[in-house]
Amino acid sequence: MSGNPHDMVNDGHYEAEAHGLHVPHSNKAEIWKVFIVLFLLTAVEFVFAFAMEKSVWRTVIFLALTVFKAAGIVAYFMHVKHELKRLAYSILLPLIFIVYLVALIIIETQG
């Protein structure tokens, strides 16, 4: 390991990995796959916005699709997918309760 800060790559591997530190790798194919899935979910939301009339079910569909999109963004672009499961659960489980609370509030205000 050299003391030069510009010499971070050694034979294609980061020095941090040599010391047992986790460095998430960028996989362009995976990023494009996530982008396409998020784009398709947004397109489905757009179709539902104009195809369905206002109802509780449309709100539930929007909330479900939004949760899937948020989970994809958090998992891939905030690198939670590469973290310990305990850390991921500590982020995702409260999110489920918050979405449930928001859904209840929206349903109650529409009635």
C-alpha atoms as a PDB file:
ATOM      1  CA  MET A   1       0.000   0.000   0.000  1.00  0.00           C
ATOM      2  CA  SER A   2       1.486   3.322  -1.022  1.00  0.00           C
ATOM      3  CA  GLY A   3       1.135   6.619   0.767  1.00  0.00           C
ATOM      4  CA  ASN A   4       0.171   8.379  -2.457  1.00  0.00           C
ATOM      5  CA  PRO A   5      -3.550   9.336  -2.389  1.00  0.00           C
ATOM      6  CA  HIS A   6      -3.672   9.177  -6.203  1.00  0.00           C
ATOM      7  CA  ASP A   7      -2.635   5.530  -6.184  1.00  0.00           C
ATOM      8  CA  MET A   8      -6.008   4.127  -5.089  1.00  0.00           C
ATOM      9  CA  VAL A   9      -6.240   1.319  -7.615  1.00  0.00           C
ATOM     10  CA  ASN A  10      -3.936  -1.663  -7.412  1.00  0.00           C
ATOM     11  CA  ASP A  11      -4.441  -4.244 -10.175  1.00  0.00           C
ATOM     12  CA  GLY A  12      -8.129  -3.301 -10.508  1.00  0.00           C
ATOM     13  CA  HIS A  13      -8.926  -3.644  -6.786  1.00  0.00           C
ATOM     14  CA  TYR A  14      -9.322  -0.847  -4.299  1.00  0.00           C
ATOM     15  CA  GLU A  15      -6.918  -0.762  -1.400  1.00  0.00           C
ATOM     16  CA  ALA A  16      -9.910  -0.613   0.939  1.00  0.00           C
ATOM     17  CA  GLU A  17     -10.945  -4.090  -0.181  1.00  0.00           C
ATOM     18  CA  ALA A  18      -7.457  -5.367   0.586  1.00  0.00           C
ATOM     19  CA  HIS A  19      -8.033  -4.334   4.188  1.00  0.00           C
ATOM     20  CA  GLY A  20     -11.415  -6.046   4.444  1.00  0.00           C
ATOM     21  CA  LEU A  21     -13.561  -2.956   3.961  1.00  0.00           C
ATOM     22  CA  HIS A  22     -16.692  -3.293   1.842  1.00  0.00           C
ATOM     23  CA  VAL A  23     -16.728  -1.163  -1.301  1.00  0.00           C
ATOM     24  CA  PRO A  24     -19.905  -1.478  -3.398  1.00  0.00           C
ATOM     25  CA  HIS A  25     -19.216  -2.079  -7.065  1.00  0.00           C
ATOM     26  CA  SER A  26     -20.921  -0.224  -9.866  1.00  0.00           C
ATOM     27  CA  ASN A  27     -22.660  -2.551 -12.256  1.00  0.00           C
ATOM     28  CA  LYS A  28     -24.012  -0.624 -15.241  1.00  0.00           C
ATOM     29  CA  ALA A  29     -26.313  -3.442 -16.357  1.00  0.00           C
ATOM     30  CA  GLU A  30     -27.882  -3.605 -12.892  1.00  0.00           C
ATOM     31  CA  ILE A  31     -28.310   0.177 -12.773  1.00  0.00           C
ATOM     32  CA  TRP A  32     -30.026   0.163 -16.174  1.00  0.00           C
ATOM     33  CA  LYS A  33     -32.280  -2.689 -15.061  1.00  0.00           C
ATOM     34  CA  VAL A  34     -33.316  -0.725 -11.962  1.00  0.00           C
ATOM     35  CA  PHE A  35     -33.871   2.377 -14.084  1.00  0.00           C
ATOM     36  CA  ILE A  36     -36.144   0.479 -16.481  1.00  0.00           C
ATOM     37  CA  VAL A  37     -38.163  -1.025 -13.619  1.00  0.00           C
ATOM     38  CA  LEU A  38     -38.579   2.392 -11.969  1.00  0.00           C
ATOM     39  CA  PHE A  39     -39.536   3.917 -15.325  1.00  0.00           C
ATOM     40  CA  LEU A  40     -42.153   1.214 -15.923  1.00  0.00           C
ATOM     41  CA  LEU A  41     -43.618   1.668 -12.433  1.00  0.00           C
ATOM     42  CA  THR A  42     -43.869   5.413 -13.087  1.00  0.00           C
ATOM     43  CA  ALA A  43     -45.558   4.740 -16.445  1.00  0.00           C
ATOM     44  CA  VAL A  44     -48.075   2.428 -14.740  1.00  0.00           C
ATOM     45  CA  GLU A  45     -48.793   5.141 -12.160  1.00  0.00           C
ATOM     46  CA  PHE A  46     -49.311   7.621 -14.995  1.00  0.00           C
ATOM     47  CA  VAL A  47     -51.790   5.287 -16.713  1.00  0.00           C
ATOM     48  CA  PHE A  48     -53.706   4.712 -13.470  1.00  0.00           C
ATOM     49  CA  ALA A  49     -53.854   8.475 -12.873  1.00  0.00           C
ATOM     50  CA  PHE A  50     -55.823   8.988 -16.075  1.00  0.00           C
ATOM     51  CA  ALA A  51     -57.600   5.633 -16.481  1.00  0.00           C
ATOM     52  CA  MET A  52     -59.137   5.318 -13.013  1.00  0.00           C
ATOM     53  CA  GLU A  53     -61.508   7.700 -11.332  1.00  0.00           C
ATOM     54  CA  LYS A  54     -60.682   8.972  -7.849  1.00  0.00           C
ATOM     55  CA  SER A  55     -61.249   6.222  -5.314  1.00  0.00           C
ATOM     56  CA  VAL A  56     -59.707   4.526  -2.344  1.00  0.00           C
ATOM     57  CA  TRP A  57     -58.378   1.754  -4.593  1.00  0.00           C
ATOM     58  CA  ARG A  58     -56.521   4.220  -6.825  1.00  0.00           C
ATOM     59  CA  THR A  59     -54.916   5.698  -3.716  1.00  0.00           C
ATOM     60  CA  VAL A  60     -53.934   2.245  -2.469  1.00  0.00           C
ATOM     61  CA  ILE A  61     -52.433   1.383  -5.871  1.00  0.00           C
ATOM     62  CA  PHE A  62     -50.458   4.638  -5.897  1.00  0.00           C
ATOM     63  CA  LEU A  63     -49.165   4.002  -2.378  1.00  0.00           C
ATOM     64  CA  ALA A  64     -48.133   0.432  -3.218  1.00  0.00           C
ATOM     65  CA  LEU A  65     -46.322   1.475  -6.387  1.00  0.00           C
ATOM     66  CA  THR A  66     -44.657   4.359  -4.562  1.00  0.00           C
ATOM     67  CA  VAL A  67     -43.412   2.028  -1.829  1.00  0.00           C
ATOM     68  CA  PHE A  68     -41.905  -0.312  -4.448  1.00  0.00           C
ATOM     69  CA  LYS A  69     -40.221   2.613  -6.173  1.00  0.00           C
ATOM     70  CA  ALA A  70     -38.903   3.999  -2.880  1.00  0.00           C
ATOM     71  CA  ALA A  71     -37.578   0.567  -1.891  1.00  0.00           C
ATOM     72  CA  GLY A  72     -35.768   0.257  -5.227  1.00  0.00           C
ATOM     73  CA  ILE A  73     -34.228   3.692  -4.885  1.00  0.00           C
ATOM     74  CA  VAL A  74     -33.131   3.053  -1.304  1.00  0.00           C
ATOM     75  CA  ALA A  75     -31.805  -0.434  -2.059  1.00  0.00           C
ATOM     76  CA  TYR A  76     -29.810   0.340  -5.170  1.00  0.00           C
ATOM     77  CA  PHE A  77     -28.963   4.036  -5.191  1.00  0.00           C
ATOM     78  CA  MET A  78     -28.443   4.439  -1.449  1.00  0.00           C
ATOM     79  CA  HIS A  79     -26.587   1.080  -1.319  1.00  0.00           C
ATOM     80  CA  VAL A  80     -28.792  -0.441   1.406  1.00  0.00           C
ATOM     81  CA  LYS A  81     -28.924  -3.635  -0.656  1.00  0.00           C
ATOM     82  CA  HIS A  82     -25.247  -4.157   0.087  1.00  0.00           C
ATOM     83  CA  GLU A  83     -25.568  -3.510   3.824  1.00  0.00           C
ATOM     84  CA  LEU A  84     -26.309  -5.883   6.656  1.00  0.00           C
ATOM     85  CA  LYS A  85     -29.868  -7.186   6.787  1.00  0.00           C
ATOM     86  CA  ARG A  86     -30.352  -5.709  10.246  1.00  0.00           C
ATOM     87  CA  LEU A  87     -29.562  -2.231   8.954  1.00  0.00           C
ATOM     88  CA  ALA A  88     -31.863  -2.683   5.963  1.00  0.00           C
ATOM     89  CA  TYR A  89     -34.709  -3.867   8.214  1.00  0.00           C
ATOM     90  CA  SER A  90     -34.170  -0.945  10.581  1.00  0.00           C
ATOM     91  CA  ILE A  91     -34.815   1.360   7.621  1.00  0.00           C
ATOM     92  CA  LEU A  92     -37.548  -0.542   5.795  1.00  0.00           C
ATOM     93  CA  LEU A  93     -39.761  -1.686   8.679  1.00  0.00           C
ATOM     94  CA  PRO A  94     -40.479   1.832   9.987  1.00  0.00           C
ATOM     95  CA  LEU A  95     -41.176   2.855   6.385  1.00  0.00           C
ATOM     96  CA  ILE A  96     -43.934   0.240   6.196  1.00  0.00           C
ATOM     97  CA  PHE A  97     -45.599   1.646   9.313  1.00  0.00           C
ATOM     98  CA  ILE A  98     -45.304   5.212   8.020  1.00  0.00           C
ATOM     99  CA  VAL A  99     -46.898   4.240   4.691  1.00  0.00           C
ATOM    100  CA  TYR A 100     -49.669   2.441   6.575  1.00  0.00           C
ATOM    101  CA  LEU A 101     -50.290   5.554   8.677  1.00  0.00           C
ATOM    102  CA  VAL A 102     -50.366   7.788   5.579  1.00  0.00           C
ATOM    103  CA  ALA A 103     -52.747   5.369   3.848  1.00  0.00           C
ATOM    104  CA  LEU A 104     -55.093   5.442   6.841  1.00  0.00           C
ATOM    105  CA  ILE A 105     -55.020   9.237   6.916  1.00  0.00           C
ATOM    106  CA  ILE A 106     -55.763   9.473   3.185  1.00  0.00           C
ATOM    107  CA  ILE A 107     -58.583   6.931   3.386  1.00  0.00           C
ATOM    108  CA  GLU A 108     -60.143   8.698   6.363  1.00  0.00           C
ATOM    109  CA  THR A 109     -59.973  12.133   4.733  1.00  0.00           C
ATOM    110  CA  GLN A 110     -61.587  10.896   1.508  1.00  0.00           C
ATOM    111  CA  GLY A 111     -64.611   9.459   3.277  1.00  0.00           C
END
